[in-house]
Amino acid sequence: MNKVIEELGLIGIVPVIALDDAKDAKPLAKALIDGGLPCAEVTFRTEAAEESIKIMAKEFPEMIVGAGTVLTPEQADRAMNAGAKFIVSPGLNPKVVKHCIDKGYPIIPGTSNPSDVEVAIELGLDVVKFFPAEAAGGLAMIKAMSAPYTQMKFMPTGGINASNLKSYLDFKKIVCCGGSWMVKKDLVAAGNFEEITRLTREAVDTMLDLKIKHVGVNMANEEEAFELADTFKKVFNFEPKNGNSSIFSDTAFEIMKKPGRGTHGHIAISTNYMDRAVYHLEKRGFKFEEASRVVKDGVFKAIYLEGEFGGYAIHLATK
């Protein structure tokens, strides 16, 4: 998979935007970045698209700006010359796809049926758009259609929103989802970029769903750990579950039999998607201890952030 598309997969959501005035490009890009989505698919349906891509790419070089609704090789060239880092098309036009491949442009063409997917495979692609996602059968269609094509992955776009986002992203053959609910045209037209930032942040929060999973409490020894577990049983009726290095009191507390990470203990934060959570938290300026990464049976299970927070170590964990 192309590195640009891999990063889109870590971001998880690609805002699909149509700009009628290039003056909105800079504040919109900033709103998306501030909200936690440093990417955009700028559709070539408007006269302002090319200039908007150019402004975004110049002002925010860290942003992954792509061009959508690309219908011709000439449009693909214009988009890439303006600074686009990937190309998206609504359908699968072999002429456009071949042109992009020959030029080294990452391209995600639209598909809606098995025949389209087979053409994409023949052209050497391993990621395609599924469009229009909801109208073309939604997640059920993607699952049914993808079964024979074990290596193909999808970027569904069209009808994706906050309520169905997770159901799509939970399917392992989906790289990321395209959506426009956080960049509605009326908000852009009104210059309400603060609301776009809020909706973007809300979309990221919905995707990651970071929640406290349990609190680990450091005890001096095994005897004290059992005493605390017994106290929690008496007070809260939390049933203790004894393990090798700790005792779980219900699911809320992990009572350590000897001091572990953190001055006082640790806090486990669950998330829907470990890789995406690491990516987004790193974008927020936090670092992780790679040596603490836990992978079991090929599944990324946990990793600690660097440092302590109020005397507690913090680690991410799968739900």
Protein backbone atom coordinates (compact mmCIF):
# COMPACT_ATOMS: atom_id res chain seq x y z
CA MET A 1 0.00 0.00 0.00
CA ASN A 2 1.24 3.48 -0.85
CA LYS A 3 2.63 5.42 2.16
CA VAL A 4 0.21 8.32 1.65
CA ILE A 5 -2.75 5.94 1.70
CA GLU A 6 -1.29 4.16 4.74
CA GLU A 7 -1.27 7.46 6.61
CA LEU A 8 -4.85 8.16 5.56
CA GLY A 9 -5.65 4.81 7.14
CA LEU A 10 -4.13 5.93 10.42
CA ILE A 11 -6.03 9.22 10.29
CA GLY A 12 -9.19 7.18 9.69
CA ILE A 13 -11.47 9.87 8.27
CA VAL A 14 -10.90 11.88 5.08
CA PRO A 15 -13.00 15.08 4.94
CA VAL A 16 -14.46 15.53 1.46
CA ILE A 17 -14.80 19.20 0.64
CA ALA A 18 -16.08 21.31 -2.24
CA LEU A 19 -14.91 24.92 -2.15
CA ASP A 20 -16.59 27.62 -4.20
CA ASP A 21 -14.09 30.28 -3.15
CA ALA A 22 -10.37 29.70 -2.67
CA LYS A 23 -10.31 32.29 0.13
CA ASP A 24 -11.87 29.64 2.36
CA ALA A 25 -9.08 27.13 1.74
CA LYS A 26 -6.65 28.36 4.40
CA PRO A 27 -9.09 28.79 7.32
CA LEU A 28 -10.79 25.49 6.44
CA ALA A 29 -7.49 23.61 6.38
CA LYS A 30 -6.58 25.12 9.74
CA ALA A 31 -9.97 24.14 11.18
CA LEU A 32 -9.47 20.53 10.06
CA ILE A 33 -5.95 20.37 11.47
CA ASP A 34 -7.03 21.95 14.75
CA GLY A 35 -9.86 19.43 14.95
CA GLY A 36 -7.48 16.52 14.47
CA LEU A 37 -7.89 15.61 10.80
CA PRO A 38 -4.79 16.80 8.91
CA CYS A 39 -6.11 15.70 5.52
CA ALA A 40 -8.73 16.57 2.92
CA GLU A 41 -10.08 15.46 -0.42
CA VAL A 42 -10.79 18.63 -2.38
CA THR A 43 -13.24 17.82 -5.15
CA PHE A 44 -12.55 19.11 -8.65
CA ARG A 45 -16.23 19.94 -9.11
CA THR A 46 -15.63 23.68 -8.61
CA GLU A 47 -13.49 26.29 -10.31
CA ALA A 48 -11.78 27.01 -6.98
CA ALA A 49 -10.49 23.46 -6.47
CA GLU A 50 -7.05 23.82 -8.05
CA GLU A 51 -6.24 27.08 -6.29
CA SER A 52 -7.61 25.74 -3.00
CA ILE A 53 -5.30 22.72 -3.18
CA LYS A 54 -2.39 25.01 -3.95
CA ILE A 55 -3.13 27.21 -0.90
CA MET A 56 -3.59 24.27 1.47
CA ALA A 57 -0.43 22.54 0.29
CA LYS A 58 1.64 25.70 0.60
CA GLU A 59 0.28 26.96 3.92
CA PHE A 60 0.12 23.56 5.62
CA PRO A 61 2.79 21.25 4.18
CA GLU A 62 2.12 18.72 6.94
CA MET A 63 -1.43 18.26 5.65
CA ILE A 64 -2.28 15.42 3.27
CA VAL A 65 -4.30 17.23 0.62
CA GLY A 66 -5.79 15.20 -2.19
CA ALA A 67 -7.95 15.89 -5.22
CA GLY A 68 -11.34 14.24 -5.65
CA THR A 69 -13.76 13.90 -8.57
CA VAL A 70 -10.79 13.69 -10.94
CA LEU A 71 -12.20 12.62 -14.31
CA THR A 72 -9.34 13.15 -16.77
CA PRO A 73 -5.55 12.75 -16.92
CA GLU A 74 -5.32 16.52 -17.42
CA GLN A 75 -7.15 17.15 -14.15
CA ALA A 76 -4.85 14.70 -12.37
CA ASP A 77 -1.81 16.60 -13.64
CA ARG A 78 -3.25 19.94 -12.57
CA ALA A 79 -4.07 18.60 -9.14
CA MET A 80 -0.64 17.11 -8.52
CA ASN A 81 1.10 20.22 -9.86
CA ALA A 82 -0.97 22.25 -7.39
CA GLY A 83 0.32 20.11 -4.52
CA ALA A 84 -2.15 17.23 -4.22
CA LYS A 85 -0.67 14.11 -2.64
CA PHE A 86 -3.31 11.67 -3.87
CA ILE A 87 -6.04 11.39 -6.49
CA VAL A 88 -9.60 10.13 -6.03
CA SER A 89 -12.16 9.51 -8.76
CA PRO A 90 -15.88 8.66 -8.48
CA GLY A 91 -15.58 5.78 -10.96
CA LEU A 92 -12.91 3.57 -12.45
CA ASN A 93 -11.62 5.04 -15.70
CA PRO A 94 -8.68 2.85 -16.83
CA LYS A 95 -7.21 5.75 -18.82
CA VAL A 96 -7.05 7.98 -15.74
CA VAL A 97 -5.79 5.17 -13.50
CA LYS A 98 -3.03 4.17 -15.93
CA HIS A 99 -1.97 7.80 -16.31
CA CYS A 100 -1.68 8.21 -12.53
CA ILE A 101 0.21 4.95 -12.10
CA ASP A 102 2.64 5.88 -14.89
CA LYS A 103 3.21 9.27 -13.25
CA GLY A 104 3.58 7.78 -9.77
CA TYR A 105 0.45 9.44 -8.40
CA PRO A 106 -1.36 7.54 -5.63
CA ILE A 107 -4.89 7.01 -6.95
CA ILE A 108 -8.03 5.62 -5.33
CA PRO A 109 -10.64 5.10 -8.07
CA GLY A 110 -14.31 4.54 -7.39
CA THR A 111 -15.89 1.08 -7.53
CA SER A 112 -19.37 -0.22 -6.80
CA ASN A 113 -19.35 -3.81 -8.07
CA PRO A 114 -17.05 -6.84 -8.48
CA SER A 115 -16.28 -6.06 -12.11
CA ASP A 116 -14.84 -2.69 -11.08
CA VAL A 117 -12.70 -4.37 -8.43
CA GLU A 118 -11.35 -6.88 -10.94
CA VAL A 119 -10.37 -4.06 -13.31
CA ALA A 120 -8.59 -2.36 -10.39
CA ILE A 121 -6.71 -5.57 -9.59
CA GLU A 122 -5.71 -5.93 -13.22
CA LEU A 123 -4.34 -2.37 -13.09
CA GLY A 124 -2.24 -3.26 -10.03
CA LEU A 125 -4.22 -1.45 -7.32
CA ASP A 126 -4.79 -2.72 -3.78
CA VAL A 127 -7.05 0.11 -2.49
CA VAL A 128 -10.21 1.42 -4.14
CA LYS A 129 -12.99 3.80 -3.23
CA PHE A 130 -16.48 2.33 -2.71
CA PHE A 131 -18.94 4.93 -3.97
CA PRO A 132 -21.66 5.90 -3.33
CA ALA A 133 -21.28 3.77 -0.22
CA GLU A 134 -24.72 3.80 1.42
CA ALA A 135 -26.66 4.01 -1.86
CA ALA A 136 -24.64 1.14 -3.34
CA GLY A 137 -25.41 -1.26 -0.50
CA GLY A 138 -23.29 0.00 2.36
CA LEU A 139 -21.17 -2.18 4.59
CA ALA A 140 -23.09 -5.35 3.74
CA MET A 141 -22.26 -4.86 0.07
CA ILE A 142 -18.58 -4.24 0.80
CA LYS A 143 -18.37 -7.40 2.93
CA ALA A 144 -20.08 -9.53 0.31
CA MET A 145 -18.14 -8.04 -2.57
CA SER A 146 -14.75 -8.15 -0.87
CA ALA A 147 -14.86 -11.83 0.08
CA PRO A 148 -13.33 -13.14 -3.20
CA TYR A 149 -10.72 -10.36 -3.30
CA THR A 150 -8.61 -11.05 -0.24
CA GLN A 151 -5.95 -8.38 -0.91
CA MET A 152 -8.24 -5.50 -1.88
CA LYS A 153 -9.07 -2.77 0.63
CA PHE A 154 -11.71 -0.06 0.43
CA MET A 155 -12.33 3.62 1.21
CA PRO A 156 -16.13 3.97 1.38
CA THR A 157 -17.51 7.44 0.69
CA GLY A 158 -21.07 8.66 0.37
CA GLY A 159 -23.53 8.59 3.24
CA ILE A 160 -20.88 8.05 5.91
CA ASN A 161 -21.58 9.98 9.12
CA ALA A 162 -20.89 9.93 12.85
CA SER A 163 -23.57 7.29 13.49
CA ASN A 164 -22.31 4.65 11.04
CA LEU A 165 -18.59 5.49 10.96
CA LYS A 166 -17.50 2.86 13.50
CA SER A 167 -19.43 0.06 11.82
CA TYR A 168 -17.47 0.73 8.62
CA LEU A 169 -14.06 1.17 10.25
CA ASP A 170 -14.48 -2.02 12.29
CA PHE A 171 -14.30 -4.04 9.08
CA LYS A 172 -10.64 -4.87 8.51
CA LYS A 173 -10.76 -4.42 4.74
CA ILE A 174 -11.68 -0.75 5.10
CA VAL A 175 -8.67 1.58 5.14
CA CYS A 176 -10.51 4.77 6.00
CA CYS A 177 -13.80 6.53 5.31
CA GLY A 178 -14.52 9.66 3.32
CA GLY A 179 -17.14 12.01 4.72
CA SER A 180 -18.42 15.56 4.59
CA TRP A 181 -20.59 15.87 7.72
CA MET A 182 -17.94 17.94 9.52
CA VAL A 183 -17.39 20.27 6.53
CA LYS A 184 -20.92 21.16 5.47
CA LYS A 185 -21.10 23.75 2.71
CA ASP A 186 -23.34 26.09 4.70
CA LEU A 187 -20.75 26.24 7.50
CA VAL A 188 -17.99 27.05 5.02
CA ALA A 189 -20.13 29.67 3.29
CA ALA A 190 -20.92 31.28 6.65
CA GLY A 191 -17.25 31.27 7.64
CA ASN A 192 -18.11 29.23 10.72
CA PHE A 193 -14.75 27.50 10.95
CA GLU A 194 -15.00 27.24 14.73
CA GLU A 195 -17.98 24.91 14.32
CA ILE A 196 -16.09 22.92 11.68
CA THR A 197 -13.24 22.48 14.17
CA ARG A 198 -15.73 21.30 16.81
CA LEU A 199 -17.41 18.83 14.47
CA THR A 200 -14.03 17.56 13.29
CA ARG A 201 -12.85 17.02 16.86
CA GLU A 202 -16.14 15.30 17.63
CA ALA A 203 -15.64 12.99 14.63
CA VAL A 204 -12.16 12.01 15.84
CA ASP A 205 -13.45 11.47 19.38
CA THR A 206 -16.29 9.29 18.06
CA MET A 207 -13.85 7.22 16.05
CA LEU A 208 -11.27 6.67 18.81
CA ASP A 209 -13.78 6.54 21.71
CA LEU A 210 -11.13 6.97 24.42
CA LYS A 211 -12.52 5.86 27.78
CA ILE A 212 -11.11 4.93 31.21
CA LYS A 213 -10.89 1.14 31.27
CA HIS A 214 -9.46 0.64 34.76
CA VAL A 215 -7.17 2.21 37.37
CA GLY A 216 -4.13 0.31 38.57
CA VAL A 217 -3.22 0.84 42.24
CA ASN A 218 0.33 0.12 43.39
CA MET A 219 0.53 -1.78 46.68
CA ALA A 220 3.68 -2.58 48.66
CA ASN A 221 3.13 -6.33 48.66
CA GLU A 222 0.69 -9.15 47.99
CA GLU A 223 -0.79 -9.05 51.50
CA GLU A 224 -1.76 -5.39 51.19
CA ALA A 225 -3.18 -6.04 47.72
CA PHE A 226 -5.52 -8.72 49.08
CA GLU A 227 -6.53 -6.45 51.96
CA LEU A 228 -7.54 -3.66 49.56
CA ALA A 229 -9.39 -6.10 47.30
CA ASP A 230 -11.27 -7.41 50.35
CA THR A 231 -12.15 -3.85 51.37
CA PHE A 232 -13.52 -3.06 47.90
CA LYS A 233 -15.56 -6.28 48.11
CA LYS A 234 -17.08 -5.20 51.45
CA VAL A 235 -17.74 -1.60 50.46
CA PHE A 236 -18.74 -1.85 46.79
CA ASN A 237 -19.36 -5.59 46.39
CA PHE A 238 -16.64 -5.60 43.72
CA GLU A 239 -15.79 -9.24 43.13
CA PRO A 240 -12.00 -9.87 43.28
CA LYS A 241 -10.29 -11.89 40.56
CA ASN A 242 -6.80 -13.05 41.47
CA GLY A 243 -4.06 -13.03 38.84
CA ASN A 244 -0.32 -13.59 38.73
CA SER A 245 0.81 -10.01 39.37
CA SER A 246 -2.42 -8.27 40.35
CA ILE A 247 -5.97 -8.64 41.60
CA PHE A 248 -8.81 -7.17 39.59
CA SER A 249 -11.54 -5.67 41.75
CA ASP A 250 -14.54 -5.96 39.43
CA THR A 251 -13.23 -4.34 36.21
CA ALA A 252 -12.63 -0.88 37.68
CA PHE A 253 -9.43 -1.46 39.67
CA GLU A 254 -6.30 -3.48 39.10
CA ILE A 255 -4.60 -3.85 42.47
CA MET A 256 -0.91 -4.53 41.97
CA LYS A 257 0.77 -7.09 44.26
CA LYS A 258 3.96 -5.03 44.15
CA PRO A 259 4.74 -1.52 42.88
CA GLY A 260 4.43 -1.32 39.13
CA ARG A 261 4.58 1.54 36.65
CA GLY A 262 3.80 5.00 37.96
CA THR A 263 4.39 6.44 41.39
CA HIS A 264 0.85 5.63 42.50
CA GLY A 265 -0.11 3.20 39.75
CA HIS A 266 -1.43 3.32 36.23
CA ILE A 267 -4.56 4.25 34.28
CA ALA A 268 -5.69 2.16 31.31
CA ILE A 269 -7.51 4.04 28.54
CA SER A 270 -9.45 1.91 26.08
CA THR A 271 -9.88 2.78 22.42
CA ASN A 272 -11.58 1.35 19.35
CA TYR A 273 -8.39 1.47 17.27
CA MET A 274 -4.92 1.27 18.79
CA ASP A 275 -2.88 2.32 15.76
CA ARG A 276 -5.13 5.29 15.07
CA ALA A 277 -5.13 6.36 18.73
CA VAL A 278 -1.32 6.33 18.80
CA TYR A 279 -1.19 8.35 15.58
CA HIS A 280 -3.64 10.99 16.80
CA LEU A 281 -2.13 11.33 20.27
CA GLU A 282 1.33 11.73 18.75
CA LYS A 283 -0.10 14.50 16.58
CA ARG A 284 -1.25 16.13 19.82
CA GLY A 285 2.34 16.13 21.05
CA PHE A 286 2.46 13.00 23.22
CA LYS A 287 5.07 10.26 22.93
CA PHE A 288 4.91 6.53 23.54
CA GLU A 289 7.32 3.99 24.99
CA GLU A 290 7.81 1.62 22.08
CA ALA A 291 9.42 -0.96 24.37
CA SER A 292 6.10 -1.24 26.21
CA ARG A 293 4.12 -2.17 23.09
CA VAL A 294 2.18 -5.41 23.61
CA VAL A 295 1.20 -7.48 20.57
CA LYS A 296 -0.57 -10.83 20.97
CA ASP A 297 -1.41 -13.07 18.02
CA GLY A 298 -0.70 -10.18 15.69
CA VAL A 299 -3.09 -7.86 17.53
CA PHE A 300 -1.81 -4.59 19.02
CA LYS A 301 -3.10 -4.76 22.60
CA ALA A 302 -1.42 -2.04 24.70
CA ILE A 303 1.27 0.64 24.90
CA TYR A 304 2.35 3.19 27.55
CA LEU A 305 2.70 6.91 27.07
CA GLU A 306 6.00 8.39 28.13
CA GLY A 307 6.13 9.98 31.59
CA GLU A 308 3.64 10.21 34.43
CA PHE A 309 0.39 12.13 34.82
CA GLY A 310 -0.42 13.12 38.38
CA GLY A 311 1.75 10.29 39.59
CA TYR A 312 0.14 7.72 37.29
CA ALA A 313 1.49 5.97 34.23
CA ILE A 314 -1.05 5.80 31.39
CA HIS A 315 -1.41 3.13 28.75
CA LEU A 316 -3.76 2.60 25.86
CA ALA A 317 -5.58 -0.71 25.64
CA THR A 318 -7.95 -2.36 23.20
CA LYS A 319 -11.63 -2.39 24.12
